[in-house]
Amino acid sequence: MTIVQRDDLSDAPPSHPEEIKSVFDLRVGENIAMHASFRITPAGVISTGIAVAAVAFAFGYLASTLQGRRR
């Protein structure tokens, strides 16, 4: 079994003063372990929200168009 060293984000200096960081470890039983880290800035949160809203709007438009054709 090989052990892999992970690059921990908590030790890295912040690249943005308002950076949001999250690191978590998930362990299920003796053999399953997951280590994850997440890093985002407030601008990234806003951009993600705009992208999700655009996709939701597009799916809503497609759904309403398909319902109009069936009648």
C-alpha atoms as a PDB file:
ATOM      1  CA  MET A   1       0.000   0.000   0.000  1.00  0.00           C
ATOM      2  CA  THR A   2       1.365   3.420  -0.966  1.00  0.00           C
ATOM      3  CA  ILE A   3       0.881   6.472   1.220  1.00  0.00           C
ATOM      4  CA  VAL A   4       0.553   9.736  -0.691  1.00  0.00           C
ATOM      5  CA  GLN A   5       1.460  13.027   0.950  1.00  0.00           C
ATOM      6  CA  ARG A   6      -1.147  15.712   0.401  1.00  0.00           C
ATOM      7  CA  ASP A   7      -0.527  19.398  -0.133  1.00  0.00           C
ATOM      8  CA  ASP A   8      -2.363  21.026   2.785  1.00  0.00           C
ATOM      9  CA  LEU A   9      -3.942  24.371   1.890  1.00  0.00           C
ATOM     10  CA  SER A  10      -4.005  25.567   5.485  1.00  0.00           C
ATOM     11  CA  ASP A  11      -0.214  26.066   5.414  1.00  0.00           C
ATOM     12  CA  ALA A  12      -0.163  27.988   2.125  1.00  0.00           C
ATOM     13  CA  PRO A  13      -0.177  31.784   2.258  1.00  0.00           C
ATOM     14  CA  PRO A  14      -3.459  33.304   1.033  1.00  0.00           C
ATOM     15  CA  SER A  15      -3.360  34.470  -2.575  1.00  0.00           C
ATOM     16  CA  HIS A  16      -6.242  36.864  -1.909  1.00  0.00           C
ATOM     17  CA  PRO A  17      -6.949  38.728   1.359  1.00  0.00           C
ATOM     18  CA  GLU A  18     -10.618  37.670   1.405  1.00  0.00           C
ATOM     19  CA  GLU A  19     -10.032  34.052   0.427  1.00  0.00           C
ATOM     20  CA  ILE A  20     -12.370  31.400   1.851  1.00  0.00           C
ATOM     21  CA  LYS A  21     -10.714  28.057   2.641  1.00  0.00           C
ATOM     22  CA  SER A  22     -12.137  24.736   3.735  1.00  0.00           C
ATOM     23  CA  VAL A  23     -10.316  21.475   4.428  1.00  0.00           C
ATOM     24  CA  PHE A  24     -11.987  18.264   5.567  1.00  0.00           C
ATOM     25  CA  ASP A  25     -11.205  14.613   6.095  1.00  0.00           C
ATOM     26  CA  LEU A  26     -13.871  11.926   5.634  1.00  0.00           C
ATOM     27  CA  ARG A  27     -13.279   8.415   6.882  1.00  0.00           C
ATOM     28  CA  VAL A  28     -15.685   5.516   6.292  1.00  0.00           C
ATOM     29  CA  GLY A  29     -14.671   2.336   8.060  1.00  0.00           C
ATOM     30  CA  GLU A  30     -11.050   1.263   8.133  1.00  0.00           C
ATOM     31  CA  ASN A  31     -10.252   1.228   4.420  1.00  0.00           C
ATOM     32  CA  ILE A  32     -11.945   4.314   2.940  1.00  0.00           C
ATOM     33  CA  ALA A  33     -10.545   7.778   3.563  1.00  0.00           C
ATOM     34  CA  MET A  34     -11.050  10.982   1.606  1.00  0.00           C
ATOM     35  CA  HIS A  35      -9.124  14.217   2.090  1.00  0.00           C
ATOM     36  CA  ALA A  36     -10.451  17.304   0.322  1.00  0.00           C
ATOM     37  CA  SER A  37      -9.729  20.993   0.284  1.00  0.00           C
ATOM     38  CA  PHE A  38     -11.532  23.917  -1.262  1.00  0.00           C
ATOM     39  CA  ARG A  39     -10.444  27.502  -1.912  1.00  0.00           C
ATOM     40  CA  ILE A  40     -12.548  30.325  -3.369  1.00  0.00           C
ATOM     41  CA  THR A  41     -12.752  34.132  -3.341  1.00  0.00           C
ATOM     42  CA  PRO A  42     -15.911  36.250  -3.023  1.00  0.00           C
ATOM     43  CA  ALA A  43     -15.706  37.043  -6.751  1.00  0.00           C
ATOM     44  CA  GLY A  44     -15.712  33.298  -7.426  1.00  0.00           C
ATOM     45  CA  VAL A  45     -18.847  32.871  -5.314  1.00  0.00           C
ATOM     46  CA  ILE A  46     -20.622  35.613  -7.286  1.00  0.00           C
ATOM     47  CA  SER A  47     -19.468  34.183 -10.636  1.00  0.00           C
ATOM     48  CA  THR A  48     -20.665  30.715  -9.643  1.00  0.00           C
ATOM     49  CA  GLY A  49     -24.065  32.131  -8.684  1.00  0.00           C
ATOM     50  CA  ILE A  50     -24.396  33.932 -12.018  1.00  0.00           C
ATOM     51  CA  ALA A  51     -23.432  30.770 -13.925  1.00  0.00           C
ATOM     52  CA  VAL A  52     -25.946  28.637 -12.014  1.00  0.00           C
ATOM     53  CA  ALA A  53     -28.683  31.238 -12.594  1.00  0.00           C
ATOM     54  CA  ALA A  54     -27.915  31.335 -16.330  1.00  0.00           C
ATOM     55  CA  VAL A  55     -28.101  27.550 -16.626  1.00  0.00           C
ATOM     56  CA  ALA A  56     -31.360  27.454 -14.636  1.00  0.00           C
ATOM     57  CA  PHE A  57     -32.827  30.183 -16.869  1.00  0.00           C
ATOM     58  CA  ALA A  58     -31.811  28.269 -20.015  1.00  0.00           C
ATOM     59  CA  PHE A  59     -33.379  25.024 -18.771  1.00  0.00           C
ATOM     60  CA  GLY A  60     -36.550  26.894 -17.790  1.00  0.00           C
ATOM     61  CA  TYR A  61     -36.766  28.465 -21.228  1.00  0.00           C
ATOM     62  CA  LEU A  62     -36.279  25.079 -22.922  1.00  0.00           C
ATOM     63  CA  ALA A  63     -38.911  23.453 -20.713  1.00  0.00           C
ATOM     64  CA  SER A  64     -41.472  26.168 -21.483  1.00  0.00           C
ATOM     65  CA  THR A  65     -40.718  25.904 -25.214  1.00  0.00           C
ATOM     66  CA  LEU A  66     -41.213  22.133 -25.197  1.00  0.00           C
ATOM     67  CA  GLN A  67     -44.536  22.457 -23.342  1.00  0.00           C
ATOM     68  CA  GLY A  68     -45.752  24.988 -25.930  1.00  0.00           C
ATOM     69  CA  ARG A  69     -45.035  22.597 -28.831  1.00  0.00           C
ATOM     70  CA  ARG A  70     -46.977  19.715 -27.260  1.00  0.00           C
ATOM     71  CA  ARG A  71     -50.276  21.603 -27.167  1.00  0.00           C
END
